[in-house]
Amino acid sequence: MVTLFLELSLPILALIVFFAVAVYLKIQYPPPLVLGRIIPRVCPVRSQDILDYNEEEDNGEEPTGWRLRREVRRKQLKVNLGYLSAEVTNTTLFQQALRFEKTKINPRKPGLEYEPRDIVVLELVDEAAHLRWKQVRCQSILVLRAKLGLSIKKEVFITLLAQYKKLEEEIIALAGMDGMEDSWFRGMLVERLGLMDWRVIEGGESEPDPA
């Protein structure tokens, strides 16, 4: 009986392990992609739109009926999950570009010979991977709360959004660090991310363009 159970359970356990490893590799190590190829694929993540939507929902009157209140919460969670999906798409593309840039760095190079751009790339590779795992956790929580009809924890979502926008601005700064070609990449990236009306400044911050 025990032998039969093991024979039946081992293939299932093997599939679970295989699936878990595949998911881990997909999140932690997406295939490298040159910066020029990610530009057409990125999409705008308009943080102010997200914040305005949630603020409007907070200031509105909550329905009195349990069923209607549950439906309103599900709608809000669905909208926020849509915004989060856009963040996930861009973060994954940033990861791919960073992993490609990392392959161009000679691992045998002494630490003192690393260029500033090399150091930034290595730091952002880890930062992007760390953010992806946070996004996975947040997506899981959002889906679960949507199924249960629970309200969203906006503080967690807003914190994650701020971390994404920081990475976004760091990628833009990286794209403009070297030469004319990188400056062109930077301009195209800013346009695709919908930041043409914003002035990205040195130090990982952005502010509305006064012009």
C-alpha atoms as a PDB file:
ATOM      1  CA  MET A   1       0.000   0.000   0.000  1.00  0.00           C
ATOM      2  CA  VAL A   2       2.816   2.381   0.923  1.00  0.00           C
ATOM      3  CA  THR A   3       4.689   1.452  -2.242  1.00  0.00           C
ATOM      4  CA  LEU A   4       1.622   2.154  -4.370  1.00  0.00           C
ATOM      5  CA  PHE A   5       1.134   5.507  -2.657  1.00  0.00           C
ATOM      6  CA  LEU A   6       4.753   6.463  -3.347  1.00  0.00           C
ATOM      7  CA  GLU A   7       4.463   5.396  -6.973  1.00  0.00           C
ATOM      8  CA  LEU A   8       1.417   7.590  -7.417  1.00  0.00           C
ATOM      9  CA  SER A   9       2.645  10.568  -5.416  1.00  0.00           C
ATOM     10  CA  LEU A  10       6.226  10.838  -6.703  1.00  0.00           C
ATOM     11  CA  PRO A  11       5.253  11.934 -10.249  1.00  0.00           C
ATOM     12  CA  ILE A  12       2.906  14.544  -8.764  1.00  0.00           C
ATOM     13  CA  LEU A  13       5.616  15.807  -6.415  1.00  0.00           C
ATOM     14  CA  ALA A  14       8.072  15.896  -9.317  1.00  0.00           C
ATOM     15  CA  LEU A  15       5.634  18.011 -11.357  1.00  0.00           C
ATOM     16  CA  ILE A  16       5.113  20.383  -8.435  1.00  0.00           C
ATOM     17  CA  VAL A  17       8.868  20.789  -7.962  1.00  0.00           C
ATOM     18  CA  PHE A  18       9.379  21.268 -11.698  1.00  0.00           C
ATOM     19  CA  PHE A  19       6.627  23.896 -11.818  1.00  0.00           C
ATOM     20  CA  ALA A  20       8.018  25.714  -8.753  1.00  0.00           C
ATOM     21  CA  VAL A  21      11.541  25.793 -10.236  1.00  0.00           C
ATOM     22  CA  ALA A  22      10.204  27.013 -13.593  1.00  0.00           C
ATOM     23  CA  VAL A  23       8.275  29.842 -11.913  1.00  0.00           C
ATOM     24  CA  TYR A  24      11.312  30.790  -9.818  1.00  0.00           C
ATOM     25  CA  LEU A  25      13.599  30.939 -12.855  1.00  0.00           C
ATOM     26  CA  LYS A  26      11.034  32.917 -14.849  1.00  0.00           C
ATOM     27  CA  ILE A  27      10.726  35.547 -12.106  1.00  0.00           C
ATOM     28  CA  GLN A  28      14.350  35.681 -10.969  1.00  0.00           C
ATOM     29  CA  TYR A  29      16.111  35.162 -14.302  1.00  0.00           C
ATOM     30  CA  PRO A  30      14.004  36.245 -17.304  1.00  0.00           C
ATOM     31  CA  PRO A  31      15.850  35.903 -20.638  1.00  0.00           C
ATOM     32  CA  PRO A  32      18.185  38.841 -21.426  1.00  0.00           C
ATOM     33  CA  LEU A  33      16.952  41.370 -23.969  1.00  0.00           C
ATOM     34  CA  VAL A  34      18.696  44.375 -25.496  1.00  0.00           C
ATOM     35  CA  LEU A  35      17.430  47.760 -24.346  1.00  0.00           C
ATOM     36  CA  GLY A  36      16.276  48.733 -27.825  1.00  0.00           C
ATOM     37  CA  ARG A  37      13.897  45.774 -27.949  1.00  0.00           C
ATOM     38  CA  ILE A  38      12.131  46.482 -24.671  1.00  0.00           C
ATOM     39  CA  ILE A  39      11.263  50.072 -25.609  1.00  0.00           C
ATOM     40  CA  PRO A  40       8.302  49.228 -27.919  1.00  0.00           C
ATOM     41  CA  ARG A  41       6.907  46.875 -25.260  1.00  0.00           C
ATOM     42  CA  VAL A  42       6.850  49.088 -22.159  1.00  0.00           C
ATOM     43  CA  CYS A  43       3.617  50.831 -21.219  1.00  0.00           C
ATOM     44  CA  PRO A  44       2.761  53.921 -19.161  1.00  0.00           C
ATOM     45  CA  VAL A  45       2.117  53.453 -15.441  1.00  0.00           C
ATOM     46  CA  ARG A  46       0.444  56.728 -14.530  1.00  0.00           C
ATOM     47  CA  SER A  47       0.866  56.870 -10.780  1.00  0.00           C
ATOM     48  CA  GLN A  48      -1.277  59.980 -10.351  1.00  0.00           C
ATOM     49  CA  ASP A  49      -4.204  58.294 -12.105  1.00  0.00           C
ATOM     50  CA  ILE A  50      -3.913  55.341  -9.735  1.00  0.00           C
ATOM     51  CA  LEU A  51      -3.742  57.546  -6.644  1.00  0.00           C
ATOM     52  CA  ASP A  52      -6.628  59.743  -7.835  1.00  0.00           C
ATOM     53  CA  TYR A  53      -8.802  56.685  -8.475  1.00  0.00           C
ATOM     54  CA  ASN A  54      -8.218  55.253  -5.010  1.00  0.00           C
ATOM     55  CA  GLU A  55      -8.724  58.634  -3.349  1.00  0.00           C
ATOM     56  CA  GLU A  56     -12.022  59.064  -5.183  1.00  0.00           C
ATOM     57  CA  GLU A  57     -13.126  55.630  -4.044  1.00  0.00           C
ATOM     58  CA  ASP A  58     -12.165  56.461  -0.447  1.00  0.00           C
ATOM     59  CA  ASN A  59     -14.117  59.714  -0.465  1.00  0.00           C
ATOM     60  CA  GLY A  60     -17.220  58.156  -1.978  1.00  0.00           C
ATOM     61  CA  GLU A  61     -20.101  56.787   0.063  1.00  0.00           C
ATOM     62  CA  GLU A  62     -19.805  53.089   0.799  1.00  0.00           C
ATOM     63  CA  PRO A  63     -22.915  51.108  -0.184  1.00  0.00           C
ATOM     64  CA  THR A  64     -25.019  49.876   2.708  1.00  0.00           C
ATOM     65  CA  GLY A  65     -25.897  46.477   1.259  1.00  0.00           C
ATOM     66  CA  TRP A  66     -23.379  43.676   1.859  1.00  0.00           C
ATOM     67  CA  ARG A  67     -23.657  42.300  -1.668  1.00  0.00           C
ATOM     68  CA  LEU A  68     -23.269  45.716  -3.324  1.00  0.00           C
ATOM     69  CA  ARG A  69     -20.370  46.629  -1.038  1.00  0.00           C
ATOM     70  CA  ARG A  70     -18.654  43.364  -1.980  1.00  0.00           C
ATOM     71  CA  GLU A  71     -19.112  44.133  -5.674  1.00  0.00           C
ATOM     72  CA  VAL A  72     -17.644  47.652  -5.290  1.00  0.00           C
ATOM     73  CA  ARG A  73     -14.606  46.245  -3.493  1.00  0.00           C
ATOM     74  CA  ARG A  74     -14.101  43.645  -6.208  1.00  0.00           C
ATOM     75  CA  LYS A  75     -14.191  46.361  -8.861  1.00  0.00           C
ATOM     76  CA  GLN A  76     -11.609  48.435  -6.976  1.00  0.00           C
ATOM     77  CA  LEU A  77      -9.339  45.435  -6.552  1.00  0.00           C
ATOM     78  CA  LYS A  78      -9.689  44.602 -10.257  1.00  0.00           C
ATOM     79  CA  VAL A  79      -8.686  48.135 -11.257  1.00  0.00           C
ATOM     80  CA  ASN A  80      -5.669  48.125  -8.933  1.00  0.00           C
ATOM     81  CA  LEU A  81      -4.685  44.667 -10.161  1.00  0.00           C
ATOM     82  CA  GLY A  82      -4.739  46.051 -13.709  1.00  0.00           C
ATOM     83  CA  TYR A  83      -2.372  48.864 -12.722  1.00  0.00           C
ATOM     84  CA  LEU A  84      -0.139  46.357 -10.938  1.00  0.00           C
ATOM     85  CA  SER A  85      -0.049  44.168 -14.061  1.00  0.00           C
ATOM     86  CA  ALA A  86       1.352  47.121 -16.020  1.00  0.00           C
ATOM     87  CA  GLU A  87       4.052  47.539 -13.359  1.00  0.00           C
ATOM     88  CA  VAL A  88       4.872  43.826 -13.604  1.00  0.00           C
ATOM     89  CA  THR A  89       5.179  43.995 -17.398  1.00  0.00           C
ATOM     90  CA  ASN A  90       7.598  46.910 -17.266  1.00  0.00           C
ATOM     91  CA  THR A  91       9.611  45.552 -14.345  1.00  0.00           C
ATOM     92  CA  THR A  92      10.124  42.256 -16.191  1.00  0.00           C
ATOM     93  CA  LEU A  93      11.268  44.120 -19.309  1.00  0.00           C
ATOM     94  CA  PHE A  94      13.656  46.220 -17.198  1.00  0.00           C
ATOM     95  CA  GLN A  95      15.012  42.993 -15.698  1.00  0.00           C
ATOM     96  CA  GLN A  96      15.617  41.558 -19.152  1.00  0.00           C
ATOM     97  CA  ALA A  97      17.472  44.668 -20.316  1.00  0.00           C
ATOM     98  CA  LEU A  98      19.559  44.768 -17.134  1.00  0.00           C
ATOM     99  CA  ARG A  99      20.461  41.102 -17.435  1.00  0.00           C
ATOM    100  CA  PHE A 100      21.656  41.755 -21.002  1.00  0.00           C
ATOM    101  CA  GLU A 101      23.741  44.700 -19.822  1.00  0.00           C
ATOM    102  CA  LYS A 102      25.197  42.479 -17.105  1.00  0.00           C
ATOM    103  CA  THR A 103      26.411  39.974 -19.720  1.00  0.00           C
ATOM    104  CA  LYS A 104      28.530  42.754 -21.239  1.00  0.00           C
ATOM    105  CA  ILE A 105      30.477  43.182 -17.981  1.00  0.00           C
ATOM    106  CA  ASN A 106      33.612  41.071 -17.705  1.00  0.00           C
ATOM    107  CA  PRO A 107      33.224  39.108 -14.417  1.00  0.00           C
ATOM    108  CA  ARG A 108      37.011  38.747 -14.184  1.00  0.00           C
ATOM    109  CA  LYS A 109      37.507  42.502 -14.107  1.00  0.00           C
ATOM    110  CA  PRO A 110      38.960  43.772 -10.791  1.00  0.00           C
ATOM    111  CA  GLY A 111      36.446  45.692  -8.700  1.00  0.00           C
ATOM    112  CA  LEU A 112      38.415  48.936  -8.934  1.00  0.00           C
ATOM    113  CA  GLU A 113      38.195  48.834 -12.742  1.00  0.00           C
ATOM    114  CA  TYR A 114      34.401  48.794 -12.870  1.00  0.00           C
ATOM    115  CA  GLU A 115      32.884  51.776 -14.665  1.00  0.00           C
ATOM    116  CA  PRO A 116      30.107  53.747 -12.905  1.00  0.00           C
ATOM    117  CA  ARG A 117      27.624  52.339 -15.419  1.00  0.00           C
ATOM    118  CA  ASP A 118      28.703  48.777 -14.593  1.00  0.00           C
ATOM    119  CA  ILE A 119      28.120  49.374 -10.894  1.00  0.00           C
ATOM    120  CA  VAL A 120      24.668  50.835 -11.559  1.00  0.00           C
ATOM    121  CA  VAL A 121      23.722  47.850 -13.734  1.00  0.00           C
ATOM    122  CA  LEU A 122      24.761  45.329 -11.086  1.00  0.00           C
ATOM    123  CA  GLU A 123      22.832  47.189  -8.392  1.00  0.00           C
ATOM    124  CA  LEU A 124      19.701  47.496 -10.531  1.00  0.00           C
ATOM    125  CA  VAL A 125      19.727  43.803 -11.492  1.00  0.00           C
ATOM    126  CA  ASP A 126      19.251  42.883  -7.836  1.00  0.00           C
ATOM    127  CA  GLU A 127      16.818  45.744  -7.196  1.00  0.00           C
ATOM    128  CA  ALA A 128      14.585  44.729 -10.115  1.00  0.00           C
ATOM    129  CA  ALA A 129      14.539  41.061  -9.059  1.00  0.00           C
ATOM    130  CA  HIS A 130      13.682  42.038  -5.479  1.00  0.00           C
ATOM    131  CA  LEU A 131      10.820  44.224  -6.720  1.00  0.00           C
ATOM    132  CA  ARG A 132       9.456  41.410  -8.894  1.00  0.00           C
ATOM    133  CA  TRP A 133       9.106  39.128  -5.882  1.00  0.00           C
ATOM    134  CA  LYS A 134       7.267  41.879  -4.005  1.00  0.00           C
ATOM    135  CA  GLN A 135       4.936  42.260  -6.999  1.00  0.00           C
ATOM    136  CA  VAL A 136       4.263  38.513  -7.046  1.00  0.00           C
ATOM    137  CA  ARG A 137       3.309  38.628  -3.379  1.00  0.00           C
ATOM    138  CA  CYS A 138       1.104  41.696  -3.878  1.00  0.00           C
ATOM    139  CA  GLN A 139      -0.638  40.133  -6.897  1.00  0.00           C
ATOM    140  CA  SER A 140      -1.379  36.993  -4.904  1.00  0.00           C
ATOM    141  CA  ILE A 141      -2.828  38.997  -2.029  1.00  0.00           C
ATOM    142  CA  LEU A 142      -4.943  41.140  -4.369  1.00  0.00           C
ATOM    143  CA  VAL A 143      -6.380  38.089  -6.138  1.00  0.00           C
ATOM    144  CA  LEU A 144      -7.155  36.392  -2.825  1.00  0.00           C
ATOM    145  CA  ARG A 145      -8.848  39.475  -1.374  1.00  0.00           C
ATOM    146  CA  ALA A 146     -10.822  39.923  -4.610  1.00  0.00           C
ATOM    147  CA  LYS A 147     -12.116  36.342  -4.313  1.00  0.00           C
ATOM    148  CA  LEU A 148     -13.127  36.946  -0.702  1.00  0.00           C
ATOM    149  CA  GLY A 149     -14.654  40.349  -1.405  1.00  0.00           C
ATOM    150  CA  LEU A 150     -12.321  42.097   1.053  1.00  0.00           C
ATOM    151  CA  SER A 151     -11.070  45.685   0.857  1.00  0.00           C
ATOM    152  CA  ILE A 152      -7.653  46.579  -0.526  1.00  0.00           C
ATOM    153  CA  LYS A 153      -4.733  47.569   1.694  1.00  0.00           C
ATOM    154  CA  LYS A 154      -3.818  50.734  -0.183  1.00  0.00           C
ATOM    155  CA  GLU A 155      -0.696  51.457   1.861  1.00  0.00           C
ATOM    156  CA  VAL A 156       0.975  48.271   0.582  1.00  0.00           C
ATOM    157  CA  PHE A 157      -0.059  48.994  -2.989  1.00  0.00           C
ATOM    158  CA  ILE A 158       1.133  52.618  -2.865  1.00  0.00           C
ATOM    159  CA  THR A 159       4.481  51.603  -1.326  1.00  0.00           C
ATOM    160  CA  LEU A 160       4.986  49.090  -4.126  1.00  0.00           C
ATOM    161  CA  LEU A 161       4.029  51.713  -6.706  1.00  0.00           C
ATOM    162  CA  ALA A 162       6.625  54.125  -5.284  1.00  0.00           C
ATOM    163  CA  GLN A 163       9.321  51.443  -5.488  1.00  0.00           C
ATOM    164  CA  TYR A 164       8.387  50.728  -9.099  1.00  0.00           C
ATOM    165  CA  LYS A 165       8.524  54.433 -10.055  1.00  0.00           C
ATOM    166  CA  LYS A 166      11.976  54.670  -8.458  1.00  0.00           C
ATOM    167  CA  LEU A 167      13.202  51.745 -10.587  1.00  0.00           C
ATOM    168  CA  GLU A 168      11.576  53.291 -13.647  1.00  0.00           C
ATOM    169  CA  GLU A 169      13.479  56.553 -13.141  1.00  0.00           C
ATOM    170  CA  GLU A 170      16.735  54.697 -12.499  1.00  0.00           C
ATOM    171  CA  ILE A 171      16.344  52.809 -15.780  1.00  0.00           C
ATOM    172  CA  ILE A 172      15.771  56.103 -17.597  1.00  0.00           C
ATOM    173  CA  ALA A 173      18.899  57.548 -15.993  1.00  0.00           C
ATOM    174  CA  LEU A 174      20.878  54.431 -16.984  1.00  0.00           C
ATOM    175  CA  ALA A 175      19.687  54.735 -20.589  1.00  0.00           C
ATOM    176  CA  GLY A 176      21.177  58.220 -20.785  1.00  0.00           C
ATOM    177  CA  MET A 177      24.556  57.573 -19.182  1.00  0.00           C
ATOM    178  CA  ASP A 178      26.663  57.016 -22.308  1.00  0.00           C
ATOM    179  CA  GLY A 179      26.853  58.568 -25.742  1.00  0.00           C
ATOM    180  CA  MET A 180      24.384  59.762 -28.347  1.00  0.00           C
ATOM    181  CA  GLU A 181      22.850  56.337 -28.930  1.00  0.00           C
ATOM    182  CA  ASP A 182      21.937  55.917 -25.272  1.00  0.00           C
ATOM    183  CA  SER A 183      20.493  59.441 -25.223  1.00  0.00           C
ATOM    184  CA  TRP A 184      18.219  58.428 -28.106  1.00  0.00           C
ATOM    185  CA  PHE A 185      17.200  55.300 -26.177  1.00  0.00           C
ATOM    186  CA  ARG A 186      16.458  57.464 -23.148  1.00  0.00           C
ATOM    187  CA  GLY A 187      14.197  59.791 -25.129  1.00  0.00           C
ATOM    188  CA  MET A 188      12.268  56.895 -26.652  1.00  0.00           C
ATOM    189  CA  LEU A 189      11.935  55.222 -23.258  1.00  0.00           C
ATOM    190  CA  VAL A 190      10.599  58.405 -21.645  1.00  0.00           C
ATOM    191  CA  GLU A 191       8.049  58.729 -24.455  1.00  0.00           C
ATOM    192  CA  ARG A 192       6.880  55.113 -24.236  1.00  0.00           C
ATOM    193  CA  LEU A 193       6.514  55.368 -20.451  1.00  0.00           C
ATOM    194  CA  GLY A 194       4.291  58.409 -20.857  1.00  0.00           C
ATOM    195  CA  LEU A 195       6.671  60.752 -19.027  1.00  0.00           C
ATOM    196  CA  MET A 196       7.003  63.436 -21.718  1.00  0.00           C
ATOM    197  CA  ASP A 197       5.229  65.927 -19.428  1.00  0.00           C
ATOM    198  CA  TRP A 198       7.628  65.179 -16.573  1.00  0.00           C
ATOM    199  CA  ARG A 199      11.174  66.342 -16.040  1.00  0.00           C
ATOM    200  CA  VAL A 200      13.266  63.420 -14.778  1.00  0.00           C
ATOM    201  CA  ILE A 201      16.082  64.854 -12.664  1.00  0.00           C
ATOM    202  CA  GLU A 202      19.306  63.361 -11.407  1.00  0.00           C
ATOM    203  CA  GLY A 203      19.038  61.459  -8.140  1.00  0.00           C
ATOM    204  CA  GLY A 204      16.108  59.164  -8.966  1.00  0.00           C
ATOM    205  CA  GLU A 205      13.308  61.717  -8.634  1.00  0.00           C
ATOM    206  CA  SER A 206      10.878  63.284 -11.075  1.00  0.00           C
ATOM    207  CA  GLU A 207       8.733  66.359 -10.993  1.00  0.00           C
ATOM    208  CA  PRO A 208       6.231  68.071 -13.316  1.00  0.00           C
ATOM    209  CA  ASP A 209       7.890  70.039 -16.082  1.00  0.00           C
ATOM    210  CA  PRO A 210       7.321  73.745 -15.234  1.00  0.00           C
ATOM    211  CA  ALA A 211       7.092  74.470 -18.948  1.00  0.00           C
END
